[in-house]
Amino acid sequence: MEQFNAILEQYRQSKLFLKSFYKKKTKQLMSRSRTNIALVAGITTGHCLLNRHLTVMRIAEDPSCPECGEMETSFHFIAECPMYAMVRWELQGKDSFSVEDLANLSIEIS
């Protein structure tokens, strides 16, 4: 576990979503479909179809969120974008999340 935490410190995006290694959550995730695993991994690492990553990959020219104009990162998409505030409110009772909220978020993966 210490080795996982040391490695995690190197990754800007991932450490926003993961604070430590959770054996139970890992086991739960690994029992899901490859599609769901890929989705969670992409959001967690920032390697997904959001404009910030697409700009880094030179697939898109503008890293901005099409809904609000802020930088479209995984954190922005999940925690901050005003377009999805109602969804966050309905699911978690908050319209936005802090870094601490996100790290402690409990989400069922279906």
PDB file of N, CA and C in Angstrom:
ATOM      1  N   MET A   1       0.828  -1.191   0.000  1.00  0.00           N
ATOM      2  CA  MET A   1       0.000   0.000   0.000  1.00  0.00           C
ATOM      3  C   MET A   1       0.875   1.259   0.000  1.00  0.00           C
ATOM      4  N   GLU A   2       1.971   1.251   0.723  1.00  0.00           N
ATOM      5  CA  GLU A   2       2.859   2.413   0.739  1.00  0.00           C
ATOM      6  C   GLU A   2       3.417   2.687  -0.652  1.00  0.00           C
ATOM      7  N   GLN A   3       3.719   1.620  -1.377  1.00  0.00           N
ATOM      8  CA  GLN A   3       4.239   1.766  -2.729  1.00  0.00           C
ATOM      9  C   GLN A   3       3.188   2.411  -3.638  1.00  0.00           C
ATOM     10  N   PHE A   4       1.927   1.985  -3.509  1.00  0.00           N
ATOM     11  CA  PHE A   4       0.836   2.572  -4.289  1.00  0.00           C
ATOM     12  C   PHE A   4       0.727   4.065  -3.987  1.00  0.00           C
ATOM     13  N   ASN A   5       0.747   4.424  -2.709  1.00  0.00           N
ATOM     14  CA  ASN A   5       0.609   5.827  -2.313  1.00  0.00           C
ATOM     15  C   ASN A   5       1.779   6.667  -2.814  1.00  0.00           C
ATOM     16  N   ALA A   6       2.984   6.111  -2.811  1.00  0.00           N
ATOM     17  CA  ALA A   6       4.152   6.833  -3.318  1.00  0.00           C
ATOM     18  C   ALA A   6       4.026   7.080  -4.817  1.00  0.00           C
ATOM     19  N   ILE A   7       3.561   6.086  -5.540  1.00  0.00           N
ATOM     20  CA  ILE A   7       3.363   6.232  -6.986  1.00  0.00           C
ATOM     21  C   ILE A   7       2.264   7.251  -7.274  1.00  0.00           C
ATOM     22  N   LEU A   8       1.178   7.183  -6.518  1.00  0.00           N
ATOM     23  CA  LEU A   8       0.033   8.076  -6.721  1.00  0.00           C
ATOM     24  C   LEU A   8       0.431   9.543  -6.615  1.00  0.00           C
ATOM     25  N   GLU A   9       1.358   9.874  -5.736  1.00  0.00           N
ATOM     26  CA  GLU A   9       1.792  11.256  -5.540  1.00  0.00           C
ATOM     27  C   GLU A   9       2.316  11.889  -6.823  1.00  0.00           C
ATOM     28  N   GLN A  10       2.766  11.095  -7.759  1.00  0.00           N
ATOM     29  CA  GLN A  10       3.339  11.604  -9.004  1.00  0.00           C
ATOM     30  C   GLN A  10       2.278  12.050 -10.010  1.00  0.00           C
ATOM     31  N   TYR A  11       1.046  11.662  -9.803  1.00  0.00           N
ATOM     32  CA  TYR A  11       0.014  11.889 -10.810  1.00  0.00           C
ATOM     33  C   TYR A  11      -0.994  12.940 -10.359  1.00  0.00           C
ATOM     34  N   ARG A  12      -0.935  14.098 -11.005  1.00  0.00           N
ATOM     35  CA  ARG A  12      -1.753  15.256 -10.656  1.00  0.00           C
ATOM     36  C   ARG A  12      -3.241  14.941 -10.635  1.00  0.00           C
ATOM     37  N   GLN A  13      -3.750  14.353 -11.681  1.00  0.00           N
ATOM     38  CA  GLN A  13      -5.185  14.108 -11.809  1.00  0.00           C
ATOM     39  C   GLN A  13      -5.653  12.982 -10.896  1.00  0.00           C
ATOM     40  N   SER A  14      -4.953  11.876 -10.913  1.00  0.00           N
ATOM     41  CA  SER A  14      -5.385  10.694 -10.153  1.00  0.00           C
ATOM     42  C   SER A  14      -5.456  10.953  -8.663  1.00  0.00           C
ATOM     43  N   LYS A  15      -4.509  11.729  -8.130  1.00  0.00           N
ATOM     44  CA  LYS A  15      -4.518  11.933  -6.682  1.00  0.00           C
ATOM     45  C   LYS A  15      -5.690  12.796  -6.219  1.00  0.00           C
ATOM     46  N   LEU A  16      -6.382  13.458  -7.135  1.00  0.00           N
ATOM     47  CA  LEU A  16      -7.609  14.170  -6.757  1.00  0.00           C
ATOM     48  C   LEU A  16      -8.729  13.189  -6.442  1.00  0.00           C
ATOM     49  N   PHE A  17      -8.736  12.072  -7.160  1.00  0.00           N
ATOM     50  CA  PHE A  17      -9.805  11.088  -7.016  1.00  0.00           C
ATOM     51  C   PHE A  17      -9.479   9.986  -6.018  1.00  0.00           C
ATOM     52  N   LEU A  18      -8.208   9.684  -5.860  1.00  0.00           N
ATOM     53  CA  LEU A  18      -7.793   8.574  -4.998  1.00  0.00           C
ATOM     54  C   LEU A  18      -6.883   9.090  -3.893  1.00  0.00           C
ATOM     55  N   LYS A  19      -7.200   8.794  -2.672  1.00  0.00           N
ATOM     56  CA  LYS A  19      -6.328   9.186  -1.569  1.00  0.00           C
ATOM     57  C   LYS A  19      -5.500   8.015  -1.076  1.00  0.00           C
ATOM     58  N   SER A  20      -5.949   6.813  -1.352  1.00  0.00           N
ATOM     59  CA  SER A  20      -5.252   5.624  -0.887  1.00  0.00           C
ATOM     60  C   SER A  20      -5.756   4.421  -1.680  1.00  0.00           C
ATOM     61  N   PHE A  21      -5.117   3.300  -1.489  1.00  0.00           N
ATOM     62  CA  PHE A  21      -5.525   2.052  -2.121  1.00  0.00           C
ATOM     63  C   PHE A  21      -6.631   1.420  -1.287  1.00  0.00           C
ATOM     64  N   TYR A  22      -7.737   1.084  -1.927  1.00  0.00           N
ATOM     65  CA  TYR A  22      -8.862   0.466  -1.235  1.00  0.00           C
ATOM     66  C   TYR A  22      -9.119  -0.898  -1.857  1.00  0.00           C
ATOM     67  N   LYS A  23      -8.738  -1.947  -1.142  1.00  0.00           N
ATOM     68  CA  LYS A  23      -8.853  -3.304  -1.672  1.00  0.00           C
ATOM     69  C   LYS A  23     -10.296  -3.656  -2.023  1.00  0.00           C
ATOM     70  N   LYS A  24     -11.242  -3.305  -1.151  1.00  0.00           N
ATOM     71  CA  LYS A  24     -12.651  -3.637  -1.382  1.00  0.00           C
ATOM     72  C   LYS A  24     -13.183  -2.939  -2.639  1.00  0.00           C
ATOM     73  N   LYS A  25     -12.884  -1.643  -2.779  1.00  0.00           N
ATOM     74  CA  LYS A  25     -13.366  -0.903  -3.947  1.00  0.00           C
ATOM     75  C   LYS A  25     -12.699  -1.400  -5.228  1.00  0.00           C
ATOM     76  N   THR A  26     -11.423  -1.771  -5.124  1.00  0.00           N
ATOM     77  CA  THR A  26     -10.722  -2.306  -6.290  1.00  0.00           C
ATOM     78  C   THR A  26     -11.355  -3.612  -6.734  1.00  0.00           C
ATOM     79  N   LYS A  27     -11.650  -4.467  -5.781  1.00  0.00           N
ATOM     80  CA  LYS A  27     -12.287  -5.752  -6.092  1.00  0.00           C
ATOM     81  C   LYS A  27     -13.659  -5.526  -6.737  1.00  0.00           C
ATOM     82  N   GLN A  28     -14.420  -4.571  -6.197  1.00  0.00           N
ATOM     83  CA  GLN A  28     -15.737  -4.249  -6.742  1.00  0.00           C
ATOM     84  C   GLN A  28     -15.604  -3.746  -8.183  1.00  0.00           C
ATOM     85  N   LEU A  29     -14.676  -2.847  -8.416  1.00  0.00           N
ATOM     86  CA  LEU A  29     -14.483  -2.305  -9.757  1.00  0.00           C
ATOM     87  C   LEU A  29     -14.049  -3.390 -10.742  1.00  0.00           C
ATOM     88  N   MET A  30     -13.139  -4.245 -10.329  1.00  0.00           N
ATOM     89  CA  MET A  30     -12.616  -5.275 -11.221  1.00  0.00           C
ATOM     90  C   MET A  30     -13.657  -6.332 -11.584  1.00  0.00           C
ATOM     91  N   SER A  31     -14.762  -6.370 -10.851  1.00  0.00           N
ATOM     92  CA  SER A  31     -15.829  -7.319 -11.183  1.00  0.00           C
ATOM     93  C   SER A  31     -16.791  -6.751 -12.239  1.00  0.00           C
ATOM     94  N   ARG A  32     -16.577  -5.517 -12.640  1.00  0.00           N
ATOM     95  CA  ARG A  32     -17.442  -4.863 -13.627  1.00  0.00           C
ATOM     96  C   ARG A  32     -16.971  -5.140 -15.047  1.00  0.00           C
ATOM     97  N   SER A  33     -17.730  -4.649 -15.990  1.00  0.00           N
ATOM     98  CA  SER A  33     -17.388  -4.837 -17.405  1.00  0.00           C
ATOM     99  C   SER A  33     -16.137  -4.032 -17.757  1.00  0.00           C
ATOM    100  N   ARG A  34     -15.478  -4.445 -18.825  1.00  0.00           N
ATOM    101  CA  ARG A  34     -14.296  -3.713 -19.289  1.00  0.00           C
ATOM    102  C   ARG A  34     -14.648  -2.263 -19.626  1.00  0.00           C
ATOM    103  N   THR A  35     -15.844  -2.056 -20.141  1.00  0.00           N
ATOM    104  CA  THR A  35     -16.289  -0.706 -20.488  1.00  0.00           C
ATOM    105  C   THR A  35     -16.342   0.175 -19.250  1.00  0.00           C
ATOM    106  N   ASN A  36     -16.936  -0.336 -18.164  1.00  0.00           N
ATOM    107  CA  ASN A  36     -17.018   0.440 -16.922  1.00  0.00           C
ATOM    108  C   ASN A  36     -15.646   0.667 -16.305  1.00  0.00           C
ATOM    109  N   ILE A  37     -14.789  -0.344 -16.357  1.00  0.00           N
ATOM    110  CA  ILE A  37     -13.429  -0.192 -15.825  1.00  0.00           C
ATOM    111  C   ILE A  37     -12.688   0.891 -16.605  1.00  0.00           C
ATOM    112  N   ALA A  38     -12.810   0.865 -17.923  1.00  0.00           N
ATOM    113  CA  ALA A  38     -12.150   1.863 -18.768  1.00  0.00           C
ATOM    114  C   ALA A  38     -12.685   3.262 -18.483  1.00  0.00           C
ATOM    115  N   LEU A  39     -13.983   3.392 -18.282  1.00  0.00           N
ATOM    116  CA  LEU A  39     -14.586   4.688 -17.982  1.00  0.00           C
ATOM    117  C   LEU A  39     -14.047   5.247 -16.666  1.00  0.00           C
ATOM    118  N   VAL A  40     -14.044   4.433 -15.623  1.00  0.00           N
ATOM    119  CA  VAL A  40     -13.542   4.879 -14.318  1.00  0.00           C
ATOM    120  C   VAL A  40     -12.052   5.218 -14.404  1.00  0.00           C
ATOM    121  N   ALA A  41     -11.278   4.383 -15.080  1.00  0.00           N
ATOM    122  CA  ALA A  41      -9.843   4.644 -15.227  1.00  0.00           C
ATOM    123  C   ALA A  41      -9.599   5.940 -15.999  1.00  0.00           C
ATOM    124  N   GLY A  42     -10.364   6.159 -17.056  1.00  0.00           N
ATOM    125  CA  GLY A  42     -10.209   7.373 -17.853  1.00  0.00           C
ATOM    126  C   GLY A  42     -10.525   8.634 -17.073  1.00  0.00           C
ATOM    127  N   ILE A  43     -11.612   8.621 -16.343  1.00  0.00           N
ATOM    128  CA  ILE A  43     -11.990   9.782 -15.530  1.00  0.00           C
ATOM    129  C   ILE A  43     -10.961  10.008 -14.424  1.00  0.00           C
ATOM    130  N   THR A  44     -10.534   8.935 -13.784  1.00  0.00           N
ATOM    131  CA  THR A  44      -9.587   9.044 -12.674  1.00  0.00           C
ATOM    132  C   THR A  44      -8.236   9.589 -13.120  1.00  0.00           C
ATOM    133  N   THR A  45      -7.761   9.150 -14.266  1.00  0.00           N
ATOM    134  CA  THR A  45      -6.443   9.580 -14.736  1.00  0.00           C
ATOM    135  C   THR A  45      -6.490  10.840 -15.593  1.00  0.00           C
ATOM    136  N   GLY A  46      -7.688  11.214 -16.045  1.00  0.00           N
ATOM    137  CA  GLY A  46      -7.812  12.358 -16.940  1.00  0.00           C
ATOM    138  C   GLY A  46      -7.643  11.986 -18.399  1.00  0.00           C
ATOM    139  N   HIS A  47      -7.416  10.712 -18.689  1.00  0.00           N
ATOM    140  CA  HIS A  47      -7.258  10.243 -20.067  1.00  0.00           C
ATOM    141  C   HIS A  47      -8.615   9.809 -20.603  1.00  0.00           C
ATOM    142  N   CYS A  48      -9.427  10.801 -20.942  1.00  0.00           N
ATOM    143  CA  CYS A  48     -10.794  10.541 -21.387  1.00  0.00           C
ATOM    144  C   CYS A  48     -11.184  11.579 -22.436  1.00  0.00           C
ATOM    145  N   LEU A  49     -12.384  11.465 -22.929  1.00  0.00           N
ATOM    146  CA  LEU A  49     -12.832  12.331 -24.021  1.00  0.00           C
ATOM    147  C   LEU A  49     -13.352  13.675 -23.526  1.00  0.00           C
ATOM    148  N   LEU A  50     -12.546  14.346 -22.718  1.00  0.00           N
ATOM    149  CA  LEU A  50     -12.843  15.710 -22.293  1.00  0.00           C
ATOM    150  C   LEU A  50     -11.824  16.627 -22.969  1.00  0.00           C
ATOM    151  N   ASN A  51     -12.208  17.871 -23.188  1.00  0.00           N
ATOM    152  CA  ASN A  51     -11.411  18.767 -24.025  1.00  0.00           C
ATOM    153  C   ASN A  51      -9.981  19.005 -23.547  1.00  0.00           C
ATOM    154  N   ARG A  52      -9.739  19.013 -22.249  1.00  0.00           N
ATOM    155  CA  ARG A  52      -8.357  19.212 -21.768  1.00  0.00           C
ATOM    156  C   ARG A  52      -7.454  18.109 -22.314  1.00  0.00           C
ATOM    157  N   HIS A  53      -7.874  16.873 -22.172  1.00  0.00           N
ATOM    158  CA  HIS A  53      -7.055  15.750 -22.653  1.00  0.00           C
ATOM    159  C   HIS A  53      -6.999  15.719 -24.180  1.00  0.00           C
ATOM    160  N   LEU A  54      -8.111  15.999 -24.825  1.00  0.00           N
ATOM    161  CA  LEU A  54      -8.128  16.004 -26.293  1.00  0.00           C
ATOM    162  C   LEU A  54      -7.200  17.078 -26.853  1.00  0.00           C
ATOM    163  N   THR A  55      -7.069  18.195 -26.141  1.00  0.00           N
ATOM    164  CA  THR A  55      -6.152  19.253 -26.561  1.00  0.00           C
ATOM    165  C   THR A  55      -4.703  18.795 -26.395  1.00  0.00           C
ATOM    166  N   VAL A  56      -4.403  18.152 -25.284  1.00  0.00           N
ATOM    167  CA  VAL A  56      -3.054  17.611 -25.066  1.00  0.00           C
ATOM    168  C   VAL A  56      -2.700  16.615 -26.167  1.00  0.00           C
ATOM    169  N   MET A  57      -3.678  15.820 -26.576  1.00  0.00           N
ATOM    170  CA  MET A  57      -3.467  14.814 -27.626  1.00  0.00           C
ATOM    171  C   MET A  57      -3.505  15.428 -29.032  1.00  0.00           C
ATOM    172  N   ARG A  58      -3.769  16.731 -29.115  1.00  0.00           N
ATOM    173  CA  ARG A  58      -3.868  17.471 -30.376  1.00  0.00           C
ATOM    174  C   ARG A  58      -5.018  16.987 -31.257  1.00  0.00           C
ATOM    175  N   ILE A  59      -6.085  16.561 -30.581  1.00  0.00           N
ATOM    176  CA  ILE A  59      -7.300  16.150 -31.280  1.00  0.00           C
ATOM    177  C   ILE A  59      -8.289  17.310 -31.289  1.00  0.00           C
ATOM    178  N   ALA A  60      -8.241  18.130 -30.251  1.00  0.00           N
ATOM    179  CA  ALA A  60      -9.081  19.327 -30.150  1.00  0.00           C
ATOM    180  C   ALA A  60      -8.167  20.540 -30.008  1.00  0.00           C
ATOM    181  N   GLU A  61      -8.697  21.703 -30.325  1.00  0.00           N
ATOM    182  CA  GLU A  61      -7.909  22.932 -30.243  1.00  0.00           C
ATOM    183  C   GLU A  61      -8.191  23.739 -28.988  1.00  0.00           C
ATOM    184  N   ASP A  62      -9.340  23.520 -28.380  1.00  0.00           N
ATOM    185  CA  ASP A  62      -9.743  24.329 -27.235  1.00  0.00           C
ATOM    186  C   ASP A  62      -9.992  23.433 -26.021  1.00  0.00           C
ATOM    187  N   PRO A  63      -9.265  23.639 -24.920  1.00  0.00           N
ATOM    188  CA  PRO A  63      -9.454  22.807 -23.727  1.00  0.00           C
ATOM    189  C   PRO A  63     -10.659  23.208 -22.878  1.00  0.00           C
ATOM    190  N   SER A  64     -11.414  24.196 -23.332  1.00  0.00           N
ATOM    191  CA  SER A  64     -12.523  24.730 -22.538  1.00  0.00           C
ATOM    192  C   SER A  64     -13.748  23.829 -22.551  1.00  0.00           C
ATOM    193  N   CYS A  65     -14.487  23.883 -21.456  1.00  0.00           N
ATOM    194  CA  CYS A  65     -15.763  23.185 -21.335  1.00  0.00           C
ATOM    195  C   CYS A  65     -16.776  23.871 -22.254  1.00  0.00           C
ATOM    196  N   PRO A  66     -17.470  23.130 -23.096  1.00  0.00           N
ATOM    197  CA  PRO A  66     -18.447  23.744 -23.991  1.00  0.00           C
ATOM    198  C   PRO A  66     -19.656  24.318 -23.254  1.00  0.00           C
ATOM    199  N   GLU A  67     -19.862  23.908 -22.014  1.00  0.00           N
ATOM    200  CA  GLU A  67     -21.015  24.374 -21.246  1.00  0.00           C
ATOM    201  C   GLU A  67     -20.758  25.681 -20.507  1.00  0.00           C
ATOM    202  N   CYS A  68     -19.521  25.863 -19.979  1.00  0.00           N
ATOM    203  CA  CYS A  68     -19.283  27.040 -19.132  1.00  0.00           C
ATOM    204  C   CYS A  68     -17.995  27.790 -19.451  1.00  0.00           C
ATOM    205  N   GLY A  69     -17.140  27.236 -20.290  1.00  0.00           N
ATOM    206  CA  GLY A  69     -15.921  27.921 -20.686  1.00  0.00           C
ATOM    207  C   GLY A  69     -14.708  27.680 -19.800  1.00  0.00           C
ATOM    208  N   GLU A  70     -14.866  27.010 -18.675  1.00  0.00           N
ATOM    209  CA  GLU A  70     -13.716  26.681 -17.821  1.00  0.00           C
ATOM    210  C   GLU A  70     -12.927  25.539 -18.460  1.00  0.00           C
ATOM    211  N   MET A  71     -11.715  25.307 -17.974  1.00  0.00           N
ATOM    212  CA  MET A  71     -10.900  24.190 -18.466  1.00  0.00           C
ATOM    213  C   MET A  71     -11.634  22.880 -18.188  1.00  0.00           C
ATOM    214  N   GLU A  72     -11.875  22.084 -19.237  1.00  0.00           N
ATOM    215  CA  GLU A  72     -12.652  20.854 -19.094  1.00  0.00           C
ATOM    216  C   GLU A  72     -11.744  19.677 -18.721  1.00  0.00           C
ATOM    217  N   THR A  73     -11.541  19.518 -17.408  1.00  0.00           N
ATOM    218  CA  THR A  73     -10.801  18.384 -16.857  1.00  0.00           C
ATOM    219  C   THR A  73     -11.803  17.420 -16.232  1.00  0.00           C
ATOM    220  N   SER A  74     -11.320  16.260 -15.831  1.00  0.00           N
ATOM    221  CA  SER A  74     -12.193  15.311 -15.133  1.00  0.00           C
ATOM    222  C   SER A  74     -12.748  15.933 -13.861  1.00  0.00           C
ATOM    223  N   PHE A  75     -11.873  16.618 -13.112  1.00  0.00           N
ATOM    224  CA  PHE A  75     -12.322  17.241 -11.868  1.00  0.00           C
ATOM    225  C   PHE A  75     -13.417  18.263 -12.153  1.00  0.00           C
ATOM    226  N   HIS A  76     -13.208  19.099 -13.161  1.00  0.00           N
ATOM    227  CA  HIS A  76     -14.223  20.098 -13.516  1.00  0.00           C
ATOM    228  C   HIS A  76     -15.541  19.424 -13.880  1.00  0.00           C
ATOM    229  N   PHE A  77     -15.472  18.410 -14.724  1.00  0.00           N
ATOM    230  CA  PHE A  77     -16.666  17.702 -15.193  1.00  0.00           C
ATOM    231  C   PHE A  77     -17.434  17.073 -14.032  1.00  0.00           C
ATOM    232  N   ILE A  78     -16.733  16.396 -13.134  1.00  0.00           N
ATOM    233  CA  ILE A  78     -17.375  15.698 -12.018  1.00  0.00           C
ATOM    234  C   ILE A  78     -17.760  16.644 -10.887  1.00  0.00           C
ATOM    235  N   ALA A  79     -16.919  17.625 -10.586  1.00  0.00           N
ATOM    236  CA  ALA A  79     -17.077  18.388  -9.343  1.00  0.00           C
ATOM    237  C   ALA A  79     -17.532  19.831  -9.474  1.00  0.00           C
ATOM    238  N   GLU A  80     -17.294  20.479 -10.602  1.00  0.00           N
ATOM    239  CA  GLU A  80     -17.491  21.926 -10.653  1.00  0.00           C
ATOM    240  C   GLU A  80     -18.457  22.464 -11.704  1.00  0.00           C
ATOM    241  N   CYS A  81     -18.563  21.834 -12.843  1.00  0.00           N
ATOM    242  CA  CYS A  81     -19.318  22.422 -13.951  1.00  0.00           C
ATOM    243  C   CYS A  81     -20.765  22.718 -13.548  1.00  0.00           C
ATOM    244  N   PRO A  82     -21.192  23.980 -13.718  1.00  0.00           N
ATOM    245  CA  PRO A  82     -22.559  24.360 -13.347  1.00  0.00           C
ATOM    246  C   PRO A  82     -23.630  23.583 -14.115  1.00  0.00           C
ATOM    247  N   MET A  83     -23.296  23.101 -15.300  1.00  0.00           N
ATOM    248  CA  MET A  83     -24.256  22.349 -16.105  1.00  0.00           C
ATOM    249  C   MET A  83     -24.731  21.082 -15.383  1.00  0.00           C
ATOM    250  N   TYR A  84     -23.862  20.505 -14.555  1.00  0.00           N
ATOM    251  CA  TYR A  84     -24.182  19.240 -13.890  1.00  0.00           C
ATOM    252  C   TYR A  84     -24.448  19.407 -12.395  1.00  0.00           C
ATOM    253  N   ALA A  85     -24.666  20.639 -11.951  1.00  0.00           N
ATOM    254  CA  ALA A  85     -24.916  20.909 -10.531  1.00  0.00           C
ATOM    255  C   ALA A  85     -26.169  20.189 -10.031  1.00  0.00           C
ATOM    256  N   MET A  86     -27.212  20.157 -10.830  1.00  0.00           N
ATOM    257  CA  MET A  86     -28.453  19.504 -10.420  1.00  0.00           C
ATOM    258  C   MET A  86     -28.250  17.994 -10.257  1.00  0.00           C
ATOM    259  N   VAL A  87     -27.484  17.401 -11.146  1.00  0.00           N
ATOM    260  CA  VAL A  87     -27.199  15.961 -11.049  1.00  0.00           C
ATOM    261  C   VAL A  87     -26.432  15.674  -9.761  1.00  0.00           C
ATOM    262  N   ARG A  88     -25.408  16.499  -9.477  1.00  0.00           N
ATOM    263  CA  ARG A  88     -24.650  16.319  -8.231  1.00  0.00           C
ATOM    264  C   ARG A  88     -25.561  16.477  -7.027  1.00  0.00           C
ATOM    265  N   TRP A  89     -26.458  17.451  -7.077  1.00  0.00           N
ATOM    266  CA  TRP A  89     -27.386  17.680  -5.965  1.00  0.00           C
ATOM    267  C   TRP A  89     -28.290  16.463  -5.751  1.00  0.00           C
ATOM    268  N   GLU A  90     -28.827  15.945  -6.838  1.00  0.00           N
ATOM    269  CA  GLU A  90     -29.724  14.784  -6.740  1.00  0.00           C
ATOM    270  C   GLU A  90     -29.006  13.536  -6.232  1.00  0.00           C
ATOM    271  N   LEU A  91     -27.751  13.355  -6.633  1.00  0.00           N
ATOM    272  CA  LEU A  91     -27.010  12.152  -6.245  1.00  0.00           C
ATOM    273  C   LEU A  91     -26.347  12.256  -4.871  1.00  0.00           C
ATOM    274  N   GLN A  92     -25.848  13.452  -4.531  1.00  0.00           N
ATOM    275  CA  GLN A  92     -25.038  13.584  -3.319  1.00  0.00           C
ATOM    276  C   GLN A  92     -25.469  14.718  -2.384  1.00  0.00           C
ATOM    277  N   GLY A  93     -26.472  15.507  -2.782  1.00  0.00           N
ATOM    278  CA  GLY A  93     -26.932  16.592  -1.918  1.00  0.00           C
ATOM    279  C   GLY A  93     -26.027  17.809  -1.907  1.00  0.00           C
ATOM    280  N   LYS A  94     -25.180  17.942  -2.930  1.00  0.00           N
ATOM    281  CA  LYS A  94     -24.292  19.102  -3.079  1.00  0.00           C
ATOM    282  C   LYS A  94     -24.271  19.503  -4.544  1.00  0.00           C
ATOM    283  N   ASP A  95     -24.153  20.807  -4.796  1.00  0.00           N
ATOM    284  CA  ASP A  95     -24.109  21.239  -6.195  1.00  0.00           C
ATOM    285  C   ASP A  95     -22.689  21.282  -6.756  1.00  0.00           C
ATOM    286  N   SER A  96     -21.684  21.206  -5.873  1.00  0.00           N
ATOM    287  CA  SER A  96     -20.286  21.108  -6.302  1.00  0.00           C
ATOM    288  C   SER A  96     -19.513  20.337  -5.242  1.00  0.00           C
ATOM    289  N   PHE A  97     -18.339  19.867  -5.619  1.00  0.00           N
ATOM    290  CA  PHE A  97     -17.508  19.095  -4.696  1.00  0.00           C
ATOM    291  C   PHE A  97     -16.143  19.742  -4.563  1.00  0.00           C
ATOM    292  N   SER A  98     -15.588  19.689  -3.365  1.00  0.00           N
ATOM    293  CA  SER A  98     -14.200  20.092  -3.156  1.00  0.00           C
ATOM    294  C   SER A  98     -13.311  18.882  -3.449  1.00  0.00           C
ATOM    295  N   VAL A  99     -12.006  19.084  -3.436  1.00  0.00           N
ATOM    296  CA  VAL A  99     -11.073  17.973  -3.626  1.00  0.00           C
ATOM    297  C   VAL A  99     -11.296  16.930  -2.536  1.00  0.00           C
ATOM    298  N   GLU A 100     -11.504  17.382  -1.301  1.00  0.00           N
ATOM    299  CA  GLU A 100     -11.738  16.465  -0.182  1.00  0.00           C
ATOM    300  C   GLU A 100     -13.034  15.682  -0.378  1.00  0.00           C
ATOM    301  N   ASP A 101     -14.093  16.369  -0.819  1.00  0.00           N
ATOM    302  CA  ASP A 101     -15.369  15.691  -1.088  1.00  0.00           C
ATOM    303  C   ASP A 101     -15.180  14.588  -2.124  1.00  0.00           C
ATOM    304  N   LEU A 102     -14.459  14.922  -3.170  1.00  0.00           N
ATOM    305  CA  LEU A 102     -14.275  13.983  -4.271  1.00  0.00           C
ATOM    306  C   LEU A 102     -13.510  12.741  -3.825  1.00  0.00           C
ATOM    307  N   ALA A 103     -12.492  12.932  -3.025  1.00  0.00           N
ATOM    308  CA  ALA A 103     -11.691  11.796  -2.551  1.00  0.00           C
ATOM    309  C   ALA A 103     -12.501  10.877  -1.645  1.00  0.00           C
ATOM    310  N   ASN A 104     -13.507  11.425  -0.969  1.00  0.00           N
ATOM    311  CA  ASN A 104     -14.326  10.636  -0.045  1.00  0.00           C
ATOM    312  C   ASN A 104     -15.653  10.196  -0.645  1.00  0.00           C
ATOM    313  N   LEU A 105     -15.878  10.507  -1.899  1.00  0.00           N
ATOM    314  CA  LEU A 105     -17.136  10.200  -2.563  1.00  0.00           C
ATOM    315  C   LEU A 105     -17.350   8.696  -2.661  1.00  0.00           C
ATOM    316  N   SER A 106     -18.537   8.274  -2.314  1.00  0.00           N
ATOM    317  CA  SER A 106     -18.888   6.861  -2.426  1.00  0.00           C
ATOM    318  C   SER A 106     -19.859   6.714  -3.589  1.00  0.00           C
ATOM    319  N   ILE A 107     -19.437   6.001  -4.599  1.00  0.00           N
ATOM    320  CA  ILE A 107     -20.258   5.842  -5.796  1.00  0.00           C
ATOM    321  C   ILE A 107     -20.425   4.361  -6.090  1.00  0.00           C
ATOM    322  N   GLU A 108     -21.652   3.969  -6.317  1.00  0.00           N
ATOM    323  CA  GLU A 108     -21.921   2.592  -6.737  1.00  0.00           C
ATOM    324  C   GLU A 108     -21.684   2.495  -8.235  1.00  0.00           C
ATOM    325  N   ILE A 109     -20.950   1.507  -8.640  1.00  0.00           N
ATOM    326  CA  ILE A 109     -20.669   1.280 -10.052  1.00  0.00           C
ATOM    327  C   ILE A 109     -21.588   0.173 -10.531  1.00  0.00           C
ATOM    328  N   SER A 110     -22.461   0.498 -11.479  1.00  0.00           N
ATOM    329  CA  SER A 110     -23.411  -0.524 -11.944  1.00  0.00           C
ATOM    330  C   SER A 110     -22.965  -1.161 -13.234  1.00  0.00           C
TER     331      SER A 110
END
